[in-house]
Amino acid sequence: MPVKEKIGIVVSTKMQKTIVVKIENRFSHPIYSKTMIKTRKYLVHDEMEQCNIGDQVLVQECRPLSKCKRWKLNKILSKSSLLTQL
């Protein structure tokens, strides 16, 4: 069985060892053929606390780590430039 992986953007890092990642799903409307966007937020386990807000990350599905956490951080694809602007 293949492991599920998704790409998203970090929205929040306020919890310990947990980040909130926003993942967009784009699909075509079945009747109107317009491209629709649905977003969903996932709680992701970040063991080393290395992510910042705005980073693009690859997350991987894993066993349940808590009541809401079922994803873990696989790798950071690109760092955010938000911290350099502040």
C-alpha atoms as a PDB file:
ATOM      1  CA  MET A   1       0.000   0.000   0.000  1.00  0.00           C
ATOM      2  CA  PRO A   2       1.567   3.343  -1.014  1.00  0.00           C
ATOM      3  CA  VAL A   3       2.126   6.056   1.570  1.00  0.00           C
ATOM      4  CA  LYS A   4       0.008   9.181   1.111  1.00  0.00           C
ATOM      5  CA  GLU A   5       1.980  12.416   0.695  1.00  0.00           C
ATOM      6  CA  LYS A   6       0.708  15.951   0.253  1.00  0.00           C
ATOM      7  CA  ILE A   7       2.286  19.360  -0.359  1.00  0.00           C
ATOM      8  CA  GLY A   8       1.079  22.369   1.605  1.00  0.00           C
ATOM      9  CA  ILE A   9       1.961  25.676   3.260  1.00  0.00           C
ATOM     10  CA  VAL A  10       2.550  26.148   6.994  1.00  0.00           C
ATOM     11  CA  VAL A  11      -0.118  28.403   8.521  1.00  0.00           C
ATOM     12  CA  SER A  12       0.656  28.181  12.249  1.00  0.00           C
ATOM     13  CA  THR A  13       3.552  27.092  14.482  1.00  0.00           C
ATOM     14  CA  LYS A  14       2.155  28.082  17.884  1.00  0.00           C
ATOM     15  CA  MET A  15       1.990  24.558  19.344  1.00  0.00           C
ATOM     16  CA  GLN A  16       4.898  22.468  20.581  1.00  0.00           C
ATOM     17  CA  LYS A  17       6.080  19.916  17.980  1.00  0.00           C
ATOM     18  CA  THR A  18       2.921  20.565  15.933  1.00  0.00           C
ATOM     19  CA  ILE A  19       2.312  22.745  12.881  1.00  0.00           C
ATOM     20  CA  VAL A  20      -0.862  23.526  10.963  1.00  0.00           C
ATOM     21  CA  VAL A  21      -0.548  22.975   7.217  1.00  0.00           C
ATOM     22  CA  LYS A  22      -3.021  24.284   4.619  1.00  0.00           C
ATOM     23  CA  ILE A  23      -3.434  21.993   1.605  1.00  0.00           C
ATOM     24  CA  GLU A  24      -5.300  23.065  -1.533  1.00  0.00           C
ATOM     25  CA  ASN A  25      -7.199  20.601  -3.692  1.00  0.00           C
ATOM     26  CA  ARG A  26      -7.979  21.828  -7.234  1.00  0.00           C
ATOM     27  CA  PHE A  27     -10.633  20.084  -9.312  1.00  0.00           C
ATOM     28  CA  SER A  28     -12.957  20.771 -12.203  1.00  0.00           C
ATOM     29  CA  HIS A  29     -16.632  21.353 -11.440  1.00  0.00           C
ATOM     30  CA  PRO A  30     -18.629  18.432 -12.886  1.00  0.00           C
ATOM     31  CA  ILE A  31     -21.278  20.620 -14.538  1.00  0.00           C
ATOM     32  CA  TYR A  32     -19.739  24.060 -15.130  1.00  0.00           C
ATOM     33  CA  SER A  33     -16.125  22.950 -15.850  1.00  0.00           C
ATOM     34  CA  LYS A  34     -14.784  25.775 -13.696  1.00  0.00           C
ATOM     35  CA  THR A  35     -11.659  25.064 -11.681  1.00  0.00           C
ATOM     36  CA  MET A  36     -12.657  24.928  -8.019  1.00  0.00           C
ATOM     37  CA  ILE A  37     -10.331  25.132  -5.005  1.00  0.00           C
ATOM     38  CA  LYS A  38     -11.021  23.443  -1.678  1.00  0.00           C
ATOM     39  CA  THR A  39      -8.624  24.010   1.206  1.00  0.00           C
ATOM     40  CA  ARG A  40      -8.181  21.859   4.255  1.00  0.00           C
ATOM     41  CA  LYS A  41      -5.997  22.269   7.343  1.00  0.00           C
ATOM     42  CA  TYR A  42      -4.071  19.366   8.838  1.00  0.00           C
ATOM     43  CA  LEU A  43      -2.207  19.085  12.142  1.00  0.00           C
ATOM     44  CA  VAL A  44       1.295  17.814  11.362  1.00  0.00           C
ATOM     45  CA  HIS A  45       3.952  16.474  13.731  1.00  0.00           C
ATOM     46  CA  ASP A  46       7.205  18.494  13.528  1.00  0.00           C
ATOM     47  CA  GLU A  47       9.677  16.733  15.844  1.00  0.00           C
ATOM     48  CA  MET A  48      12.579  19.219  15.531  1.00  0.00           C
ATOM     49  CA  GLU A  49      10.367  22.349  15.357  1.00  0.00           C
ATOM     50  CA  GLN A  50      12.194  23.527  12.238  1.00  0.00           C
ATOM     51  CA  CYS A  51       9.260  24.974  10.246  1.00  0.00           C
ATOM     52  CA  ASN A  52       8.182  28.605  10.086  1.00  0.00           C
ATOM     53  CA  ILE A  53       5.015  30.243   8.813  1.00  0.00           C
ATOM     54  CA  GLY A  54       4.907  30.324   5.012  1.00  0.00           C
ATOM     55  CA  ASP A  55       7.229  27.352   4.406  1.00  0.00           C
ATOM     56  CA  GLN A  56       6.229  24.886   1.709  1.00  0.00           C
ATOM     57  CA  VAL A  57       6.379  21.362   3.143  1.00  0.00           C
ATOM     58  CA  LEU A  58       5.847  17.750   2.142  1.00  0.00           C
ATOM     59  CA  VAL A  59       3.799  15.816   4.695  1.00  0.00           C
ATOM     60  CA  GLN A  60       3.299  12.068   4.995  1.00  0.00           C
ATOM     61  CA  GLU A  61       0.473  10.071   6.525  1.00  0.00           C
ATOM     62  CA  CYS A  62       1.368   8.040   9.626  1.00  0.00           C
ATOM     63  CA  ARG A  63      -0.210   6.259  12.570  1.00  0.00           C
ATOM     64  CA  PRO A  64      -2.366   8.369  14.927  1.00  0.00           C
ATOM     65  CA  LEU A  65      -0.065  10.427  17.159  1.00  0.00           C
ATOM     66  CA  SER A  66      -2.834  12.187  19.083  1.00  0.00           C
ATOM     67  CA  LYS A  67      -6.548  12.851  18.796  1.00  0.00           C
ATOM     68  CA  CYS A  68      -6.171  14.994  15.658  1.00  0.00           C
ATOM     69  CA  LYS A  69      -2.605  14.358  14.415  1.00  0.00           C
ATOM     70  CA  ARG A  70      -2.262  11.746  11.667  1.00  0.00           C
ATOM     71  CA  TRP A  71       0.447  13.385   9.537  1.00  0.00           C
ATOM     72  CA  LYS A  72       4.176  13.937  10.029  1.00  0.00           C
ATOM     73  CA  LEU A  73       6.628  16.292   8.387  1.00  0.00           C
ATOM     74  CA  ASN A  74       8.635  14.565   5.664  1.00  0.00           C
ATOM     75  CA  LYS A  75      10.739  17.498   4.413  1.00  0.00           C
ATOM     76  CA  ILE A  76      10.747  21.240   3.862  1.00  0.00           C
ATOM     77  CA  LEU A  77      10.576  22.019   0.145  1.00  0.00           C
ATOM     78  CA  SER A  78      11.164  25.784   0.351  1.00  0.00           C
ATOM     79  CA  LYS A  79      11.725  28.187   3.219  1.00  0.00           C
ATOM     80  CA  SER A  80       9.620  31.318   3.567  1.00  0.00           C
ATOM     81  CA  SER A  81      11.048  34.759   3.001  1.00  0.00           C
ATOM     82  CA  LEU A  82       8.682  36.286   5.576  1.00  0.00           C
ATOM     83  CA  LEU A  83      11.279  36.264   8.368  1.00  0.00           C
ATOM     84  CA  THR A  84      13.812  38.193   6.275  1.00  0.00           C
ATOM     85  CA  GLN A  85      11.288  40.987   5.659  1.00  0.00           C
ATOM     86  CA  LEU A  86      10.557  41.588   9.368  1.00  0.00           C
END
